[in-house]
Amino acid sequence: MLQYDRLVIMGMGGLFILLGLAAIIWGRKEEKGYYDSLSPQADTREFLEHWPRRPQFGALKIGGRIAIAIGVLLIVMGGVFWLRD
């Protein structure tokens, strides 16, 4: 395997890690913004109990974690290929 191929695999891993971190931060920001916008309203039951659940915030965070895991695996795979030759 050429050195360029290894670098591409490791670069893709780094990109996945960055995208994962961005998704996690975006999910936290969206969740905070949503529940902070509810706090000044008269009916704050949803704000206090976080019920009903809003799945989109969790989905962003879970997707970010999956992307980070894939990125780490790609970097490890690229490192193994690098050390193997």
PDB file of N, CA and C in Angstrom:
ATOM      1  N   MET A   1       0.844  -1.163   0.000  1.00  0.00           N
ATOM      2  CA  MET A   1       0.000   0.000   0.000  1.00  0.00           C
ATOM      3  C   MET A   1       0.898   1.237   0.000  1.00  0.00           C
ATOM      4  N   LEU A   2       0.567   2.182  -0.827  1.00  0.00           N
ATOM      5  CA  LEU A   2       1.352   3.405  -0.929  1.00  0.00           C
ATOM      6  C   LEU A   2       1.150   4.294   0.292  1.00  0.00           C
ATOM      7  N   GLN A   3       2.152   5.115   0.552  1.00  0.00           N
ATOM      8  CA  GLN A   3       2.072   6.023   1.693  1.00  0.00           C
ATOM      9  C   GLN A   3       0.894   6.985   1.533  1.00  0.00           C
ATOM     10  N   TYR A   4       0.614   7.389   0.311  1.00  0.00           N
ATOM     11  CA  TYR A   4      -0.501   8.294   0.050  1.00  0.00           C
ATOM     12  C   TYR A   4      -1.821   7.664   0.485  1.00  0.00           C
ATOM     13  N   ASP A   5      -1.993   6.371   0.227  1.00  0.00           N
ATOM     14  CA  ASP A   5      -3.225   5.679   0.609  1.00  0.00           C
ATOM     15  C   ASP A   5      -3.403   5.669   2.119  1.00  0.00           C
ATOM     16  N   ARG A   6      -2.320   5.453   2.832  1.00  0.00           N
ATOM     17  CA  ARG A   6      -2.391   5.461   4.294  1.00  0.00           C
ATOM     18  C   ARG A   6      -2.789   6.839   4.818  1.00  0.00           C
ATOM     19  N   LEU A   7      -2.210   7.864   4.228  1.00  0.00           N
ATOM     20  CA  LEU A   7      -2.533   9.226   4.653  1.00  0.00           C
ATOM     21  C   LEU A   7      -3.986   9.577   4.354  1.00  0.00           C
ATOM     22  N   VAL A   8      -4.515   9.075   3.247  1.00  0.00           N
ATOM     23  CA  VAL A   8      -5.916   9.324   2.914  1.00  0.00           C
ATOM     24  C   VAL A   8      -6.826   8.674   3.948  1.00  0.00           C
ATOM     25  N   ILE A   9      -6.521   7.441   4.336  1.00  0.00           N
ATOM     26  CA  ILE A   9      -7.323   6.752   5.347  1.00  0.00           C
ATOM     27  C   ILE A   9      -7.267   7.511   6.676  1.00  0.00           C
ATOM     28  N   MET A  10      -6.085   7.932   7.072  1.00  0.00           N
ATOM     29  CA  MET A  10      -5.945   8.662   8.331  1.00  0.00           C
ATOM     30  C   MET A  10      -6.607  10.041   8.244  1.00  0.00           C
ATOM     31  N   GLY A  11      -6.535  10.673   7.087  1.00  0.00           N
ATOM     32  CA  GLY A  11      -7.206  11.964   6.889  1.00  0.00           C
ATOM     33  C   GLY A  11      -8.719  11.828   6.979  1.00  0.00           C
ATOM     34  N   MET A  12      -9.253  10.752   6.406  1.00  0.00           N
ATOM     35  CA  MET A  12     -10.691  10.503   6.517  1.00  0.00           C
ATOM     36  C   MET A  12     -11.075  10.279   7.980  1.00  0.00           C
ATOM     37  N   GLY A  13     -10.224   9.587   8.731  1.00  0.00           N
ATOM     38  CA  GLY A  13     -10.485   9.388  10.150  1.00  0.00           C
ATOM     39  C   GLY A  13     -10.530  10.704  10.901  1.00  0.00           C
ATOM     40  N   GLY A  14      -9.581  11.570  10.614  1.00  0.00           N
ATOM     41  CA  GLY A  14      -9.583  12.890  11.239  1.00  0.00           C
ATOM     42  C   GLY A  14     -10.816  13.703  10.878  1.00  0.00           C
ATOM     43  N   LEU A  15     -11.257  13.602   9.625  1.00  0.00           N
ATOM     44  CA  LEU A  15     -12.457  14.304   9.190  1.00  0.00           C
ATOM     45  C   LEU A  15     -13.685  13.779   9.936  1.00  0.00           C
ATOM     46  N   PHE A  16     -13.776  12.464  10.101  1.00  0.00           N
ATOM     47  CA  PHE A  16     -14.899  11.894  10.843  1.00  0.00           C
ATOM     48  C   PHE A  16     -14.893  12.360  12.296  1.00  0.00           C
ATOM     49  N   ILE A  17     -13.727  12.438  12.889  1.00  0.00           N
ATOM     50  CA  ILE A  17     -13.643  12.910  14.271  1.00  0.00           C
ATOM     51  C   ILE A  17     -14.106  14.364  14.367  1.00  0.00           C
ATOM     52  N   LEU A  18     -13.671  15.193  13.452  1.00  0.00           N
ATOM     53  CA  LEU A  18     -14.094  16.595  13.466  1.00  0.00           C
ATOM     54  C   LEU A  18     -15.596  16.731  13.244  1.00  0.00           C
ATOM     55  N   LEU A  19     -16.144  15.959  12.308  1.00  0.00           N
ATOM     56  CA  LEU A  19     -17.580  16.001  12.068  1.00  0.00           C
ATOM     57  C   LEU A  19     -18.358  15.504  13.282  1.00  0.00           C
ATOM     58  N   GLY A  20     -17.840  14.479  13.939  1.00  0.00           N
ATOM     59  CA  GLY A  20     -18.487  13.963  15.139  1.00  0.00           C
ATOM     60  C   GLY A  20     -18.516  14.987  16.259  1.00  0.00           C
ATOM     61  N   LEU A  21     -17.390  15.648  16.478  1.00  0.00           N
ATOM     62  CA  LEU A  21     -17.341  16.685  17.509  1.00  0.00           C
ATOM     63  C   LEU A  21     -18.290  17.832  17.181  1.00  0.00           C
ATOM     64  N   ALA A  22     -18.348  18.204  15.904  1.00  0.00           N
ATOM     65  CA  ALA A  22     -19.256  19.273  15.488  1.00  0.00           C
ATOM     66  C   ALA A  22     -20.713  18.870  15.723  1.00  0.00           C
ATOM     67  N   ALA A  23     -21.064  17.625  15.438  1.00  0.00           N
ATOM     68  CA  ALA A  23     -22.440  17.170  15.649  1.00  0.00           C
ATOM     69  C   ALA A  23     -22.800  17.161  17.125  1.00  0.00           C
ATOM     70  N   ILE A  24     -21.884  16.740  17.975  1.00  0.00           N
ATOM     71  CA  ILE A  24     -22.149  16.722  19.417  1.00  0.00           C
ATOM     72  C   ILE A  24     -22.340  18.147  19.942  1.00  0.00           C
ATOM     73  N   ILE A  25     -21.473  19.055  19.536  1.00  0.00           N
ATOM     74  CA  ILE A  25     -21.590  20.450  19.970  1.00  0.00           C
ATOM     75  C   ILE A  25     -22.879  21.070  19.449  1.00  0.00           C
ATOM     76  N   TRP A  26     -23.225  20.788  18.202  1.00  0.00           N
ATOM     77  CA  TRP A  26     -24.445  21.303  17.602  1.00  0.00           C
ATOM     78  C   TRP A  26     -25.666  20.781  18.354  1.00  0.00           C
ATOM     79  N   GLY A  27     -25.674  19.497  18.707  1.00  0.00           N
ATOM     80  CA  GLY A  27     -26.789  18.916  19.446  1.00  0.00           C
ATOM     81  C   GLY A  27     -26.960  19.551  20.815  1.00  0.00           C
ATOM     82  N   ARG A  28     -25.862  19.771  21.512  1.00  0.00           N
ATOM     83  CA  ARG A  28     -25.937  20.419  22.825  1.00  0.00           C
ATOM     84  C   ARG A  28     -26.453  21.849  22.707  1.00  0.00           C
ATOM     85  N   LYS A  29     -25.972  22.562  21.694  1.00  0.00           N
ATOM     86  CA  LYS A  29     -26.392  23.945  21.493  1.00  0.00           C
ATOM     87  C   LYS A  29     -27.880  24.019  21.158  1.00  0.00           C
ATOM     88  N   GLU A  30     -28.356  23.136  20.283  1.00  0.00           N
ATOM     89  CA  GLU A  30     -29.768  23.117  19.908  1.00  0.00           C
ATOM     90  C   GLU A  30     -30.643  22.783  21.116  1.00  0.00           C
ATOM     91  N   GLU A  31     -30.226  21.800  21.908  1.00  0.00           N
ATOM     92  CA  GLU A  31     -30.998  21.408  23.082  1.00  0.00           C
ATOM     93  C   GLU A  31     -31.063  22.548  24.102  1.00  0.00           C
ATOM     94  N   LYS A  32     -29.932  23.170  24.345  1.00  0.00           N
ATOM     95  CA  LYS A  32     -29.884  24.279  25.297  1.00  0.00           C
ATOM     96  C   LYS A  32     -30.741  25.440  24.814  1.00  0.00           C
ATOM     97  N   GLY A  33     -30.631  25.758  23.533  1.00  0.00           N
ATOM     98  CA  GLY A  33     -31.429  26.848  22.977  1.00  0.00           C
ATOM     99  C   GLY A  33     -32.918  26.575  23.045  1.00  0.00           C
ATOM    100  N   TYR A  34     -33.308  25.341  22.809  1.00  0.00           N
ATOM    101  CA  TYR A  34     -34.721  24.985  22.833  1.00  0.00           C
ATOM    102  C   TYR A  34     -35.278  25.094  24.248  1.00  0.00           C
ATOM    103  N   TYR A  35     -34.600  24.504  25.207  1.00  0.00           N
ATOM    104  CA  TYR A  35     -35.120  24.523  26.568  1.00  0.00           C
ATOM    105  C   TYR A  35     -34.957  25.888  27.221  1.00  0.00           C
ATOM    106  N   ASP A  36     -33.963  26.666  26.838  1.00  0.00           N
ATOM    107  CA  ASP A  36     -33.840  28.024  27.365  1.00  0.00           C
ATOM    108  C   ASP A  36     -34.948  28.926  26.829  1.00  0.00           C
ATOM    109  N   SER A  37     -35.430  28.654  25.618  1.00  0.00           N
ATOM    110  CA  SER A  37     -36.509  29.467  25.067  1.00  0.00           C
ATOM    111  C   SER A  37     -37.830  29.166  25.751  1.00  0.00           C
ATOM    112  N   LEU A  38     -37.954  27.997  26.373  1.00  0.00           N
ATOM    113  CA  LEU A  38     -39.185  27.640  27.070  1.00  0.00           C
ATOM    114  C   LEU A  38     -39.228  28.183  28.493  1.00  0.00           C
ATOM    115  N   SER A  39     -38.089  28.449  29.088  1.00  0.00           N
ATOM    116  CA  SER A  39     -38.074  28.825  30.497  1.00  0.00           C
ATOM    117  C   SER A  39     -38.834  30.106  30.821  1.00  0.00           C
ATOM    118  N   PRO A  40     -38.835  31.149  29.989  1.00  0.00           N
ATOM    119  CA  PRO A  40     -39.575  32.345  30.375  1.00  0.00           C
ATOM    120  C   PRO A  40     -41.085  32.224  30.152  1.00  0.00           C
ATOM    121  N   GLN A  41     -41.548  31.179  29.493  1.00  0.00           N
ATOM    122  CA  GLN A  41     -42.978  31.037  29.220  1.00  0.00           C
ATOM    123  C   GLN A  41     -43.729  30.644  30.486  1.00  0.00           C
ATOM    124  N   ALA A  42     -45.046  30.907  30.478  1.00  0.00           N
ATOM    125  CA  ALA A  42     -45.869  30.620  31.650  1.00  0.00           C
ATOM    126  C   ALA A  42     -45.935  29.121  31.934  1.00  0.00           C
ATOM    127  N   ASP A  43     -46.088  28.298  30.908  1.00  0.00           N
ATOM    128  CA  ASP A  43     -46.163  26.856  31.112  1.00  0.00           C
ATOM    129  C   ASP A  43     -44.771  26.268  30.947  1.00  0.00           C
ATOM    130  N   THR A  44     -44.115  26.027  32.051  1.00  0.00           N
ATOM    131  CA  THR A  44     -42.733  25.543  32.002  1.00  0.00           C
ATOM    132  C   THR A  44     -42.623  24.064  32.344  1.00  0.00           C
ATOM    133  N   ARG A  45     -43.755  23.354  32.282  1.00  0.00           N
ATOM    134  CA  ARG A  45     -43.709  21.924  32.615  1.00  0.00           C
ATOM    135  C   ARG A  45     -42.737  21.180  31.708  1.00  0.00           C
ATOM    136  N   GLU A  46     -42.811  21.467  30.399  1.00  0.00           N
ATOM    137  CA  GLU A  46     -41.915  20.788  29.463  1.00  0.00           C
ATOM    138  C   GLU A  46     -40.460  21.144  29.759  1.00  0.00           C
ATOM    139  N   PHE A  47     -40.216  22.388  30.121  1.00  0.00           N
ATOM    140  CA  PHE A  47     -38.858  22.811  30.443  1.00  0.00           C
ATOM    141  C   PHE A  47     -38.330  22.078  31.678  1.00  0.00           C
ATOM    142  N   LEU A  48     -39.139  21.989  32.704  1.00  0.00           N
ATOM    143  CA  LEU A  48     -38.696  21.383  33.955  1.00  0.00           C
ATOM    144  C   LEU A  48     -38.561  19.871  33.868  1.00  0.00           C
ATOM    145  N   GLU A  49     -39.496  19.228  33.185  1.00  0.00           N
ATOM    146  CA  GLU A  49     -39.507  17.768  33.131  1.00  0.00           C
ATOM    147  C   GLU A  49     -38.831  17.197  31.891  1.00  0.00           C
ATOM    148  N   HIS A  50     -38.549  18.047  30.926  1.00  0.00           N
ATOM    149  CA  HIS A  50     -37.980  17.599  29.643  1.00  0.00           C
ATOM    150  C   HIS A  50     -38.863  16.510  29.034  1.00  0.00           C
ATOM    151  N   TRP A  51     -40.156  16.688  29.187  1.00  0.00           N
ATOM    152  CA  TRP A  51     -41.111  15.729  28.635  1.00  0.00           C
ATOM    153  C   TRP A  51     -42.116  16.480  27.800  1.00  0.00           C
ATOM    154  N   PRO A  52     -42.454  16.147  26.613  1.00  0.00           N
ATOM    155  CA  PRO A  52     -42.016  14.957  25.883  1.00  0.00           C
ATOM    156  C   PRO A  52     -40.585  15.107  25.380  1.00  0.00           C
ATOM    157  N   ARG A  53     -39.937  13.999  25.240  1.00  0.00           N
ATOM    158  CA  ARG A  53     -38.542  13.989  24.781  1.00  0.00           C
ATOM    159  C   ARG A  53     -38.462  14.496  23.347  1.00  0.00           C
ATOM    160  N   ARG A  54     -37.411  15.197  23.056  1.00  0.00           N
ATOM    161  CA  ARG A  54     -37.137  15.685  21.702  1.00  0.00           C
ATOM    162  C   ARG A  54     -36.015  14.841  21.118  1.00  0.00           C
ATOM    163  N   PRO A  55     -36.323  13.920  20.211  1.00  0.00           N
ATOM    164  CA  PRO A  55     -35.306  12.968  19.736  1.00  0.00           C
ATOM    165  C   PRO A  55     -34.205  13.588  18.884  1.00  0.00           C
ATOM    166  N   GLN A  56     -34.461  14.728  18.254  1.00  0.00           N
ATOM    167  CA  GLN A  56     -33.447  15.279  17.359  1.00  0.00           C
ATOM    168  C   GLN A  56     -32.166  15.670  18.090  1.00  0.00           C
ATOM    169  N   PHE A  57     -32.259  16.086  19.339  1.00  0.00           N
ATOM    170  CA  PHE A  57     -31.057  16.464  20.075  1.00  0.00           C
ATOM    171  C   PHE A  57     -30.202  15.236  20.374  1.00  0.00           C
ATOM    172  N   GLY A  58     -30.842  14.181  20.823  1.00  0.00           N
ATOM    173  CA  GLY A  58     -30.121  12.938  21.107  1.00  0.00           C
ATOM    174  C   GLY A  58     -29.546  12.322  19.849  1.00  0.00           C
ATOM    175  N   ALA A  59     -30.280  12.463  18.741  1.00  0.00           N
ATOM    176  CA  ALA A  59     -29.813  11.890  17.477  1.00  0.00           C
ATOM    177  C   ALA A  59     -28.526  12.564  17.016  1.00  0.00           C
ATOM    178  N   LEU A  60     -28.443  13.869  17.174  1.00  0.00           N
ATOM    179  CA  LEU A  60     -27.210  14.572  16.803  1.00  0.00           C
ATOM    180  C   LEU A  60     -26.043  14.107  17.664  1.00  0.00           C
ATOM    181  N   LYS A  61     -26.282  13.949  18.954  1.00  0.00           N
ATOM    182  CA  LYS A  61     -25.208  13.529  19.854  1.00  0.00           C
ATOM    183  C   LYS A  61     -24.773  12.092  19.569  1.00  0.00           C
ATOM    184  N   ILE A  62     -25.723  11.204  19.359  1.00  0.00           N
ATOM    185  CA  ILE A  62     -25.389   9.807  19.064  1.00  0.00           C
ATOM    186  C   ILE A  62     -24.673   9.698  17.726  1.00  0.00           C
ATOM    187  N   GLY A  63     -25.151  10.431  16.732  1.00  0.00           N
ATOM    188  CA  GLY A  63     -24.474  10.438  15.432  1.00  0.00           C
ATOM    189  C   GLY A  63     -23.048  10.949  15.538  1.00  0.00           C
ATOM    190  N   GLY A  64     -22.846  11.942  16.385  1.00  0.00           N
ATOM    191  CA  GLY A  64     -21.494  12.450  16.614  1.00  0.00           C
ATOM    192  C   GLY A  64     -20.592  11.410  17.246  1.00  0.00           C
ATOM    193  N   ARG A  65     -21.129  10.674  18.213  1.00  0.00           N
ATOM    194  CA  ARG A  65     -20.328   9.619  18.852  1.00  0.00           C
ATOM    195  C   ARG A  65     -19.984   8.508  17.865  1.00  0.00           C
ATOM    196  N   ILE A  66     -20.928   8.160  17.014  1.00  0.00           N
ATOM    197  CA  ILE A  66     -20.661   7.129  16.005  1.00  0.00           C
ATOM    198  C   ILE A  66     -19.587   7.610  15.032  1.00  0.00           C
ATOM    199  N   ALA A  67     -19.673   8.870  14.608  1.00  0.00           N
ATOM    200  CA  ALA A  67     -18.673   9.415  13.687  1.00  0.00           C
ATOM    201  C   ALA A  67     -17.292   9.440  14.332  1.00  0.00           C
ATOM    202  N   ILE A  68     -17.222   9.768  15.619  1.00  0.00           N
ATOM    203  CA  ILE A  68     -15.929   9.769  16.314  1.00  0.00           C
ATOM    204  C   ILE A  68     -15.367   8.354  16.377  1.00  0.00           C
ATOM    205  N   ALA A  69     -16.216   7.369  16.662  1.00  0.00           N
ATOM    206  CA  ALA A  69     -15.753   5.979  16.725  1.00  0.00           C
ATOM    207  C   ALA A  69     -15.225   5.519  15.372  1.00  0.00           C
ATOM    208  N   ILE A  70     -15.921   5.870  14.302  1.00  0.00           N
ATOM    209  CA  ILE A  70     -15.459   5.506  12.959  1.00  0.00           C
ATOM    210  C   ILE A  70     -14.133   6.196  12.653  1.00  0.00           C
ATOM    211  N   GLY A  71     -14.018   7.460  13.037  1.00  0.00           N
ATOM    212  CA  GLY A  71     -12.776   8.197  12.809  1.00  0.00           C
ATOM    213  C   GLY A  71     -11.595   7.590  13.536  1.00  0.00           C
ATOM    214  N   VAL A  72     -11.816   7.197  14.779  1.00  0.00           N
ATOM    215  CA  VAL A  72     -10.727   6.574  15.541  1.00  0.00           C
ATOM    216  C   VAL A  72     -10.330   5.252  14.890  1.00  0.00           C
ATOM    217  N   LEU A  73     -11.305   4.468  14.471  1.00  0.00           N
ATOM    218  CA  LEU A  73     -10.991   3.201  13.804  1.00  0.00           C
ATOM    219  C   LEU A  73     -10.209   3.418  12.511  1.00  0.00           C
ATOM    220  N   LEU A  74     -10.577   4.433  11.743  1.00  0.00           N
ATOM    221  CA  LEU A  74      -9.849   4.717  10.500  1.00  0.00           C
ATOM    222  C   LEU A  74      -8.412   5.148  10.785  1.00  0.00           C
ATOM    223  N   ILE A  75      -8.216   5.961  11.807  1.00  0.00           N
ATOM    224  CA  ILE A  75      -6.856   6.393  12.142  1.00  0.00           C
ATOM    225  C   ILE A  75      -6.025   5.204  12.610  1.00  0.00           C
ATOM    226  N   VAL A  76      -6.625   4.344  13.436  1.00  0.00           N
ATOM    227  CA  VAL A  76      -5.902   3.152  13.898  1.00  0.00           C
ATOM    228  C   VAL A  76      -5.578   2.247  12.709  1.00  0.00           C
ATOM    229  N   MET A  77      -6.533   2.074  11.811  1.00  0.00           N
ATOM    230  CA  MET A  77      -6.300   1.231  10.639  1.00  0.00           C
ATOM    231  C   MET A  77      -5.171   1.805   9.774  1.00  0.00           C
ATOM    232  N   GLY A  78      -5.174   3.128   9.563  1.00  0.00           N
ATOM    233  CA  GLY A  78      -4.099   3.748   8.812  1.00  0.00           C
ATOM    234  C   GLY A  78      -2.752   3.596   9.496  1.00  0.00           C
ATOM    235  N   GLY A  79      -2.735   3.705  10.826  1.00  0.00           N
ATOM    236  CA  GLY A  79      -1.496   3.509  11.577  1.00  0.00           C
ATOM    237  C   GLY A  79      -0.979   2.095  11.497  1.00  0.00           C
ATOM    238  N   VAL A  80      -1.886   1.112  11.517  1.00  0.00           N
ATOM    239  CA  VAL A  80      -1.485  -0.287  11.387  1.00  0.00           C
ATOM    240  C   VAL A  80      -0.897  -0.533  10.017  1.00  0.00           C
ATOM    241  N   PHE A  81      -1.515   0.002   8.986  1.00  0.00           N
ATOM    242  CA  PHE A  81      -0.972  -0.162   7.637  1.00  0.00           C
ATOM    243  C   PHE A  81       0.397   0.509   7.518  1.00  0.00           C
ATOM    244  N   TRP A  82       0.545   1.656   8.180  1.00  0.00           N
ATOM    245  CA  TRP A  82       1.806   2.386   8.132  1.00  0.00           C
ATOM    246  C   TRP A  82       2.930   1.566   8.794  1.00  0.00           C
ATOM    247  N   LEU A  83       2.633   1.001   9.953  1.00  0.00           N
ATOM    248  CA  LEU A  83       3.654   0.232  10.671  1.00  0.00           C
ATOM    249  C   LEU A  83       3.907  -1.135  10.060  1.00  0.00           C
ATOM    250  N   ARG A  84       2.956  -1.668   9.344  1.00  0.00           N
ATOM    251  CA  ARG A  84       3.070  -2.995   8.759  1.00  0.00           C
ATOM    252  C   ARG A  84       4.098  -3.046   7.633  1.00  0.00           C
ATOM    253  N   ASP A  85       4.195  -1.972   6.887  1.00  0.00           N
ATOM    254  CA  ASP A  85       5.144  -1.966   5.756  1.00  0.00           C
ATOM    255  C   ASP A  85       6.492  -1.449   6.119  1.00  0.00           C
TER     256      ASP A  85
END
